[in-house]
Amino acid sequence: MDINVSDRIRKAAACCKKGFSCLQKGEGKLCAVEDCVNDSVLFVKSQYNASCPYQQSFGNEFICNCPVRKELYDKYRI
């Protein structure tokens, strides 16, 4: 499956410290979505020990605010 994300969404995620590795075919590491609330808030299982500018802790959970991750979930349910 080809994964496509618009340039507008990529630009909105300009703070990505991982060089958009989530979009690399076969090598992309994604934080798994555990739940999506109101089609807008992604609760994820963090893949990274290092801090991510788009990840926030919420108790024992993590919320992902990355525009690219949200687009991947919305378009491909991954």
N, C-alpha and C. Protein backbone atom coordinates (compact mmCIF):
# COMPACT_ATOMS: atom_id res chain seq x y z
N MET A 1 0.85 -1.18 0.00
CA MET A 1 0.00 0.00 0.00
C MET A 1 0.89 1.24 0.00
N ASP A 2 0.60 2.14 -0.91
CA ASP A 2 1.32 3.41 -0.94
C ASP A 2 0.72 4.36 0.07
N ILE A 3 1.59 4.97 0.85
CA ILE A 3 1.15 5.91 1.87
C ILE A 3 1.47 7.31 1.38
N ASN A 4 0.44 8.14 1.31
CA ASN A 4 0.58 9.50 0.82
C ASN A 4 0.11 10.50 1.86
N VAL A 5 0.91 11.51 2.09
CA VAL A 5 0.54 12.60 2.99
C VAL A 5 0.80 13.90 2.25
N SER A 6 -0.14 14.80 2.30
CA SER A 6 0.00 16.04 1.55
C SER A 6 1.15 16.90 2.06
N ASP A 7 1.66 17.74 1.19
CA ASP A 7 2.74 18.65 1.57
C ASP A 7 2.29 19.60 2.67
N ARG A 8 1.03 19.99 2.65
CA ARG A 8 0.48 20.87 3.68
C ARG A 8 0.59 20.22 5.06
N ILE A 9 0.29 18.93 5.13
CA ILE A 9 0.37 18.21 6.40
C ILE A 9 1.83 18.05 6.83
N ARG A 10 2.71 17.75 5.89
CA ARG A 10 4.14 17.64 6.22
C ARG A 10 4.67 18.95 6.77
N LYS A 11 4.29 20.03 6.16
CA LYS A 11 4.75 21.35 6.63
C LYS A 11 4.20 21.65 8.03
N ALA A 12 3.00 21.18 8.30
CA ALA A 12 2.40 21.40 9.62
C ALA A 12 3.15 20.61 10.71
N ALA A 13 3.90 19.59 10.29
CA ALA A 13 4.67 18.78 11.23
C ALA A 13 6.16 19.09 11.12
N ALA A 14 6.47 20.34 10.94
CA ALA A 14 7.86 20.76 10.72
C ALA A 14 8.79 20.45 11.89
N CYS A 15 8.25 20.20 13.06
CA CYS A 15 9.08 19.92 14.23
C CYS A 15 9.44 18.44 14.37
N CYS A 16 9.13 17.62 13.38
CA CYS A 16 9.41 16.19 13.45
C CYS A 16 10.92 15.97 13.60
N LYS A 17 11.29 15.28 14.68
CA LYS A 17 12.69 15.00 14.96
C LYS A 17 13.14 13.67 14.34
N LYS A 18 12.23 12.96 13.72
CA LYS A 18 12.53 11.65 13.19
C LYS A 18 12.57 11.62 11.67
N GLY A 19 12.56 12.79 11.05
CA GLY A 19 12.67 12.87 9.59
C GLY A 19 11.56 12.15 8.85
N PHE A 20 10.36 12.17 9.42
CA PHE A 20 9.20 11.51 8.82
C PHE A 20 9.46 10.03 8.56
N SER A 21 10.15 9.38 9.48
CA SER A 21 10.46 7.96 9.32
C SER A 21 9.18 7.12 9.24
N CYS A 22 8.09 7.61 9.76
CA CYS A 22 6.82 6.88 9.70
C CYS A 22 6.34 6.67 8.27
N LEU A 23 6.85 7.47 7.34
CA LEU A 23 6.43 7.38 5.95
C LEU A 23 7.34 6.49 5.11
N GLN A 24 8.43 6.00 5.67
CA GLN A 24 9.36 5.17 4.93
C GLN A 24 8.81 3.76 4.78
N LYS A 25 8.71 3.33 3.56
CA LYS A 25 8.12 2.04 3.25
C LYS A 25 8.88 0.90 3.93
N GLY A 26 8.16 0.11 4.67
CA GLY A 26 8.74 -1.06 5.33
C GLY A 26 9.56 -0.77 6.56
N GLU A 27 9.96 0.48 6.76
CA GLU A 27 10.81 0.81 7.89
C GLU A 27 10.15 1.78 8.85
N GLY A 28 9.01 2.29 8.48
CA GLY A 28 8.36 3.30 9.29
C GLY A 28 7.96 2.79 10.65
N LYS A 29 8.29 3.56 11.67
CA LYS A 29 7.88 3.22 13.03
C LYS A 29 6.76 4.16 13.43
N LEU A 30 5.65 3.57 13.75
CA LEU A 30 4.50 4.36 14.18
C LEU A 30 4.13 4.00 15.60
N CYS A 31 3.75 4.99 16.36
CA CYS A 31 3.16 4.72 17.65
C CYS A 31 1.76 4.17 17.37
N ALA A 32 1.45 3.01 17.92
CA ALA A 32 0.15 2.38 17.68
C ALA A 32 -0.97 3.19 18.33
N VAL A 33 -2.03 3.40 17.59
CA VAL A 33 -3.19 4.10 18.12
C VAL A 33 -3.97 3.14 19.01
N GLU A 34 -4.16 3.53 20.25
CA GLU A 34 -4.94 2.72 21.18
C GLU A 34 -6.40 3.15 21.19
N ASP A 35 -6.64 4.44 20.94
CA ASP A 35 -8.00 4.95 20.92
C ASP A 35 -8.01 6.30 20.21
N CYS A 36 -9.12 6.61 19.61
CA CYS A 36 -9.31 7.93 18.99
C CYS A 36 -10.63 8.48 19.54
N VAL A 37 -10.54 9.63 20.18
CA VAL A 37 -11.71 10.22 20.82
C VAL A 37 -12.23 11.37 19.97
N ASN A 38 -13.52 11.35 19.68
CA ASN A 38 -14.19 12.39 18.89
C ASN A 38 -13.52 12.64 17.54
N ASP A 39 -12.94 11.61 16.96
CA ASP A 39 -12.24 11.73 15.67
C ASP A 39 -11.17 12.80 15.66
N SER A 40 -10.62 13.13 16.84
CA SER A 40 -9.61 14.19 16.85
C SER A 40 -8.45 13.93 17.81
N VAL A 41 -8.66 13.23 18.89
CA VAL A 41 -7.60 13.02 19.88
C VAL A 41 -7.11 11.58 19.79
N LEU A 42 -5.82 11.43 19.43
CA LEU A 42 -5.23 10.11 19.32
C LEU A 42 -4.49 9.74 20.60
N PHE A 43 -4.92 8.65 21.22
CA PHE A 43 -4.17 8.07 22.33
C PHE A 43 -3.30 6.98 21.72
N VAL A 44 -2.00 7.05 21.98
CA VAL A 44 -1.07 6.13 21.34
C VAL A 44 -0.22 5.38 22.36
N LYS A 45 0.34 4.28 21.88
CA LYS A 45 1.34 3.54 22.64
C LYS A 45 2.68 4.02 22.10
N SER A 46 3.42 4.74 22.90
CA SER A 46 4.64 5.39 22.45
C SER A 46 5.69 4.38 22.01
N GLN A 47 6.32 4.65 20.86
CA GLN A 47 7.40 3.83 20.32
C GLN A 47 8.76 4.38 20.71
N TYR A 48 8.79 5.57 21.27
CA TYR A 48 10.06 6.26 21.46
C TYR A 48 10.30 6.59 22.92
N ASN A 49 11.53 6.38 23.35
CA ASN A 49 11.91 6.79 24.70
C ASN A 49 12.25 8.27 24.73
N ALA A 50 12.78 8.75 23.63
CA ALA A 50 13.13 10.18 23.53
C ALA A 50 11.87 11.01 23.41
N SER A 51 11.97 12.23 23.81
CA SER A 51 10.78 13.09 23.73
C SER A 51 10.42 13.41 22.29
N CYS A 52 9.16 13.52 22.05
CA CYS A 52 8.63 13.89 20.74
C CYS A 52 7.86 15.19 20.95
N PRO A 53 8.08 16.18 20.10
CA PRO A 53 7.40 17.45 20.29
C PRO A 53 5.88 17.37 20.13
N TYR A 54 5.39 16.29 19.55
CA TYR A 54 3.96 16.14 19.33
C TYR A 54 3.28 15.21 20.33
N GLN A 55 4.06 14.65 21.23
CA GLN A 55 3.53 13.69 22.19
C GLN A 55 3.39 14.32 23.57
N GLN A 56 2.26 14.10 24.19
CA GLN A 56 2.01 14.61 25.53
C GLN A 56 1.55 13.46 26.41
N SER A 57 2.03 13.46 27.64
CA SER A 57 1.55 12.43 28.56
C SER A 57 0.22 12.90 29.15
N PHE A 58 -0.62 11.93 29.41
CA PHE A 58 -1.93 12.17 29.99
C PHE A 58 -2.15 11.04 30.99
N GLY A 59 -1.70 11.27 32.22
CA GLY A 59 -1.69 10.18 33.20
C GLY A 59 -0.68 9.14 32.77
N ASN A 60 -1.13 7.91 32.62
CA ASN A 60 -0.27 6.82 32.16
C ASN A 60 -0.36 6.61 30.65
N GLU A 61 -1.08 7.48 29.98
CA GLU A 61 -1.30 7.37 28.54
C GLU A 61 -0.53 8.47 27.81
N PHE A 62 -0.49 8.35 26.47
CA PHE A 62 0.14 9.38 25.64
C PHE A 62 -0.84 9.84 24.58
N ILE A 63 -0.85 11.15 24.36
CA ILE A 63 -1.66 11.75 23.29
C ILE A 63 -0.70 12.20 22.20
N CYS A 64 -1.06 11.91 20.97
CA CYS A 64 -0.25 12.32 19.83
C CYS A 64 -0.95 13.46 19.09
N ASN A 65 -0.23 14.57 18.94
CA ASN A 65 -0.76 15.73 18.22
C ASN A 65 -0.06 15.93 16.88
N CYS A 66 0.62 14.91 16.40
CA CYS A 66 1.35 15.02 15.13
C CYS A 66 0.36 15.04 13.96
N PRO A 67 0.43 16.06 13.13
CA PRO A 67 -0.48 16.13 11.97
C PRO A 67 -0.30 14.96 11.01
N VAL A 68 0.93 14.49 10.84
CA VAL A 68 1.18 13.36 9.94
C VAL A 68 0.57 12.09 10.52
N ARG A 69 0.76 11.85 11.80
CA ARG A 69 0.19 10.63 12.43
C ARG A 69 -1.32 10.66 12.35
N LYS A 70 -1.92 11.81 12.57
CA LYS A 70 -3.38 11.95 12.49
C LYS A 70 -3.87 11.67 11.07
N GLU A 71 -3.17 12.20 10.09
CA GLU A 71 -3.53 11.97 8.69
C GLU A 71 -3.44 10.48 8.33
N LEU A 72 -2.39 9.81 8.80
CA LEU A 72 -2.24 8.37 8.54
C LEU A 72 -3.40 7.59 9.17
N TYR A 73 -3.80 7.98 10.35
CA TYR A 73 -4.92 7.31 10.99
C TYR A 73 -6.22 7.60 10.25
N ASP A 74 -6.45 8.85 9.91
CA ASP A 74 -7.69 9.22 9.22
C ASP A 74 -7.82 8.56 7.85
N LYS A 75 -6.75 8.55 7.07
CA LYS A 75 -6.81 8.03 5.71
C LYS A 75 -6.69 6.52 5.60
N TYR A 76 -5.83 5.94 6.45
CA TYR A 76 -5.49 4.53 6.29
C TYR A 76 -5.84 3.65 7.50
N ARG A 77 -6.29 4.28 8.58
CA ARG A 77 -6.61 3.58 9.82
C ARG A 77 -5.42 2.76 10.34
N ILE A 78 -4.25 3.34 10.16
CA ILE A 78 -3.03 2.73 10.72
C ILE A 78 -2.47 3.63 11.79
